[in-house]
Protein backbone atom coordinates (compact mmCIF):
# COMPACT_ATOMS: atom_id res chain seq x y z
CA MET A 1 -9.74 16.93 -7.06
CA TRP A 2 -8.28 14.03 -9.02
CA VAL A 3 -4.76 14.39 -10.38
CA PRO A 4 -2.69 11.69 -12.07
CA PHE A 5 -0.63 9.86 -9.45
CA GLU A 6 2.67 10.63 -11.19
CA GLU A 7 1.92 14.38 -10.91
CA LEU A 8 1.88 14.33 -7.12
CA PRO A 9 4.97 15.73 -5.41
CA ALA A 10 7.32 13.45 -3.48
CA SER A 11 6.06 15.10 -0.29
CA ALA A 12 2.44 14.00 -0.87
CA ARG A 13 1.03 12.05 2.06
CA LEU A 14 0.46 8.38 1.28
CA TRP A 15 -1.65 5.54 2.64
CA VAL A 16 -1.08 1.95 1.53
CA PHE A 17 -3.93 -0.55 1.83
CA THR A 18 -3.23 -4.21 1.15
CA SER A 19 -5.08 -7.13 -0.37
CA PRO A 20 -4.57 -10.83 0.34
CA VAL A 21 -5.08 -11.57 -3.37
CA PRO A 22 -4.09 -9.80 -6.60
CA LEU A 23 -6.43 -6.93 -7.47
CA ASP A 24 -7.96 -6.11 -10.83
CA THR A 25 -6.94 -2.58 -11.83
CA ALA A 26 -9.74 -2.26 -14.39
CA LEU A 27 -12.29 -3.13 -11.71
CA LEU A 28 -10.90 -0.97 -8.90
CA LEU A 29 -9.51 2.15 -10.53
CA PRO A 30 -12.91 3.64 -11.53
CA PRO A 31 -14.39 3.60 -7.97
CA LEU A 32 -11.07 4.84 -6.55
CA GLN A 33 -11.05 7.73 -9.02
CA GLU A 34 -14.70 8.52 -8.23
CA PHE A 35 -13.95 8.61 -4.50
CA VAL A 36 -10.87 10.82 -4.94
CA ARG A 37 -12.77 13.26 -7.18
CA SER A 38 -15.21 13.91 -4.32
CA TRP A 39 -12.73 13.65 -1.42
CA THR A 40 -12.68 16.77 0.74
CA ALA A 41 -11.38 18.08 4.04
CA HIS A 42 -13.60 20.73 5.67
CA GLN A 43 -15.42 21.29 2.36
CA GLN A 44 -12.11 21.90 0.57
CA ASP A 45 -11.19 19.69 -2.37
CA LEU A 46 -8.15 17.54 -1.75
CA LYS A 47 -5.58 17.42 -4.52
CA ALA A 48 -5.29 13.66 -4.50
CA SER A 49 -4.87 10.49 -6.46
CA ALA A 50 -5.13 6.73 -6.22
CA SER A 51 -3.24 3.94 -7.84
CA LEU A 52 -2.67 0.21 -7.61
CA SER A 53 0.83 -1.16 -7.20
CA ASP A 54 2.27 -4.65 -7.65
CA GLY A 55 -1.21 -6.15 -7.81
CA TYR A 56 -1.69 -6.11 -4.03
CA PHE A 57 -1.46 -2.48 -2.91
CA ILE A 58 -4.03 0.31 -3.10
CA LEU A 59 -2.30 3.67 -2.87
CA LEU A 60 -4.17 6.82 -1.82
CA ALA A 61 -2.22 10.05 -1.74
CA VAL A 62 -2.87 13.72 -0.99
CA ASP A 63 -0.79 16.77 -1.88
CA GLU A 64 -1.05 18.55 1.45
CA ASN A 65 0.68 21.65 0.04
CA GLN A 66 -2.78 22.66 -1.19
CA THR A 67 -5.11 21.31 1.53
CA ALA A 68 -4.17 19.06 4.44
CA ALA A 69 -6.06 15.85 5.01
CA SER A 70 -8.07 16.13 8.22
CA GLY A 71 -9.04 13.38 10.63
CA CYS A 72 -12.51 13.30 9.12
CA SER A 73 -11.19 13.09 5.55
CA ILE A 74 -8.85 10.25 6.54
CA ASP A 75 -11.81 8.49 8.17
CA LYS A 76 -13.77 8.92 4.93
CA ALA A 77 -10.96 7.27 2.97
CA THR A 78 -10.70 4.42 5.46
CA HIS A 79 -14.45 3.81 5.34
CA PHE A 80 -14.40 3.93 1.55
CA VAL A 81 -11.63 1.32 1.39
CA GLN A 82 -13.41 -0.80 4.00
CA ASN A 83 -16.63 -0.73 1.96
CA LEU A 84 -14.72 -1.43 -1.24
CA GLY A 85 -13.17 -4.46 0.45
CA GLN A 86 -16.53 -5.66 1.71
CA SER A 87 -17.93 -5.47 -1.82
CA LEU A 88 -15.04 -7.71 -2.92
CA LYS A 89 -15.33 -9.94 0.17
CA LEU A 90 -11.79 -8.89 1.18
CA ASN A 91 -10.35 -7.23 4.26
CA LEU A 92 -8.30 -4.38 2.81
CA LEU A 93 -7.58 -2.90 6.25
CA GLU A 94 -5.61 -5.82 7.72
CA LYS A 95 -2.39 -4.48 9.22
CA ARG A 96 -0.69 -7.77 10.11
CA ARG A 97 -0.29 -8.94 6.53
CA TYR A 98 3.20 -9.28 5.15
CA PHE A 99 4.57 -9.47 1.62
CA TYR A 100 7.85 -10.90 0.45
CA ARG A 101 9.28 -11.89 -2.89
CA ASN A 102 10.52 -15.31 -3.90
CA GLY A 103 14.10 -14.60 -4.89
CA ASP A 104 16.22 -11.69 -3.86
CA ARG A 105 16.65 -9.77 -7.08
CA LEU A 106 14.90 -6.46 -7.56
CA MET A 107 12.62 -6.59 -10.58
CA HIS A 108 11.19 -3.71 -12.57
CA ALA A 109 7.88 -5.49 -13.09
CA VAL A 110 6.48 -7.64 -10.36
CA ASP A 111 4.73 -10.84 -11.28
CA SER A 112 2.10 -11.67 -8.65
CA GLN A 113 3.44 -15.25 -8.75
CA THR A 114 6.67 -14.01 -7.18
CA ILE A 115 4.97 -12.36 -4.20
CA GLN A 116 4.10 -14.30 -1.07
CA VAL A 117 1.32 -12.88 1.10
CA VAL A 118 1.37 -14.21 4.64
CA ASP A 119 0.01 -13.60 8.12
CA HIS A 120 2.17 -12.86 11.17
CA GLN A 121 2.61 -16.46 12.26
CA THR A 122 3.54 -17.63 8.75
CA MET A 123 6.02 -14.77 8.36
CA GLN A 124 7.64 -15.73 11.66
CA ALA A 125 7.95 -19.33 10.47
CA ALA A 126 9.40 -18.18 7.13
CA VAL A 127 12.06 -16.17 8.93
CA GLN A 128 12.88 -18.96 11.36
CA GLY A 129 12.90 -21.53 8.56
CA GLY A 130 15.28 -19.51 6.40
CA ARG A 131 12.81 -18.84 3.58
CA VAL A 132 13.11 -15.14 4.44
CA THR A 133 16.74 -14.04 4.75
CA PRO A 134 18.37 -10.62 5.22
CA THR A 135 18.38 -10.15 1.43
CA THR A 136 14.77 -11.20 0.81
CA LEU A 137 12.74 -8.28 -0.49
CA VAL A 138 9.80 -7.35 1.75
CA ALA A 139 7.14 -4.70 1.25
CA ASP A 140 7.21 -1.77 3.63
CA THR A 141 3.52 -0.88 3.61
CA LEU A 142 4.17 1.79 6.24
CA VAL A 143 5.71 4.20 3.72
CA SER A 144 3.99 7.54 4.25
CA LYS A 145 5.11 9.77 1.38
CA VAL A 146 4.83 9.31 -2.38
CA GLY A 147 8.56 9.93 -2.62
CA ASP A 148 9.16 6.88 -0.41
CA LEU A 149 7.57 4.48 -2.90
CA ASP A 150 10.99 3.70 -4.31
CA ARG A 151 11.54 1.98 -0.95
CA LEU A 152 8.28 0.02 -0.99
CA TRP A 153 10.39 -3.10 -1.58
CA LEU A 154 13.58 -3.36 0.42
CA PRO A 155 15.79 -6.11 1.80
CA PHE A 156 14.45 -7.70 4.99
CA GLY A 157 17.73 -6.91 6.77
CA GLU A 158 17.19 -3.17 6.15
CA SER A 159 13.50 -3.11 7.10
CA TRP A 160 11.49 -2.67 10.29
CA HIS A 161 10.43 -6.31 9.78
CA ARG A 162 13.90 -7.40 10.95
CA ARG A 163 13.26 -5.98 14.44
CA LEU A 164 9.74 -7.38 14.62
CA PHE A 165 10.75 -10.89 13.59
CA GLY A 166 14.11 -10.96 15.33
CA LEU A 167 16.62 -11.61 12.57
């Protein structure tokens, strides 16, 4: 059952899928909404929503206070996103993709020009070369609750990235 994203509680379970290029909301929102409207767990409608964030992130969320997402329903969502990516000739399931902003100031609106999308090796080089510093904003695509989206962008020095890339 589709609900507007902003109506989900902070406790709603969240999955973040990433794109290597900016996404077109007008193109992607209709199929995302269609999928969510039919998304179920053990024949029970999921109170869920989908949204796009910052041009690069597909957000799927479920209010598990009504019905919990099951392994099969999570698999359905993953397969849907995989197929959506294939139709766009994009891998939307890549986990070793990193996002950081040029400049350290937090912005209310993100311009896709300010976001760098890099692979693991390039991120390591950016850290070692000083292009990514403790204050550089990085995307934490591992956030797992809707209420955590206010921490989607955080300083590198406060993120799990710091441990992975050794700064």
